[in-house]
Amino acid sequence: MAPKKRQNNIYNIFLTHFKSLSNSITSNAQDGLIKSKPYF
């Protein structure tokens, strides 16, 4: 039971990290669009 719980914990950490990573990529992309808008 212990290894399963540990594996689940690692999965949760990975999921949280992935969510924050995709959030930062999305916000960076939006910032880039806003900054590059005058050039269009």
Protein backbone atom coordinates (compact mmCIF):
# COMPACT_ATOMS: atom_id res chain seq x y z
CA MET A 1 0.00 0.00 0.00
CA ALA A 2 2.88 2.36 0.78
CA PRO A 3 4.53 2.23 -2.69
CA LYS A 4 1.16 2.93 -4.34
CA LYS A 5 0.58 5.99 -2.17
CA ARG A 6 4.10 7.21 -2.89
CA GLN A 7 3.59 6.75 -6.64
CA ASN A 8 0.32 8.70 -6.42
CA ASN A 9 2.11 11.51 -4.57
CA ILE A 10 4.77 11.73 -7.30
CA TYR A 11 2.00 11.78 -9.92
CA ASN A 12 0.24 14.62 -8.09
CA ILE A 13 3.48 16.63 -7.91
CA PHE A 14 4.08 16.06 -11.63
CA LEU A 15 0.50 17.07 -12.44
CA THR A 16 0.79 20.28 -10.39
CA HIS A 17 4.13 21.11 -12.00
CA PHE A 18 2.73 20.47 -15.48
CA LYS A 19 -0.30 22.67 -14.80
CA SER A 20 1.81 25.59 -13.59
CA LEU A 21 4.17 25.09 -16.53
CA SER A 22 1.35 25.19 -19.08
CA ASN A 23 -0.15 28.19 -17.28
CA SER A 24 3.12 30.11 -17.52
CA ILE A 25 3.51 29.15 -21.20
CA THR A 26 -0.04 30.37 -21.89
CA SER A 27 0.47 33.68 -20.08
CA ASN A 28 3.84 34.16 -21.80
CA ALA A 29 2.19 33.55 -25.18
CA GLN A 30 -0.51 36.10 -24.37
CA ASP A 31 2.13 38.61 -23.25
CA GLY A 32 4.01 38.00 -26.49
CA LEU A 33 0.88 38.59 -28.54
CA ILE A 34 0.12 41.82 -26.70
CA LYS A 35 3.70 43.07 -27.09
CA SER A 36 3.94 42.16 -30.78
CA LYS A 37 0.52 43.55 -31.71
CA PRO A 38 1.85 47.00 -32.79
CA TYR A 39 4.03 45.28 -35.41
CA PHE A 40 1.10 43.71 -37.25
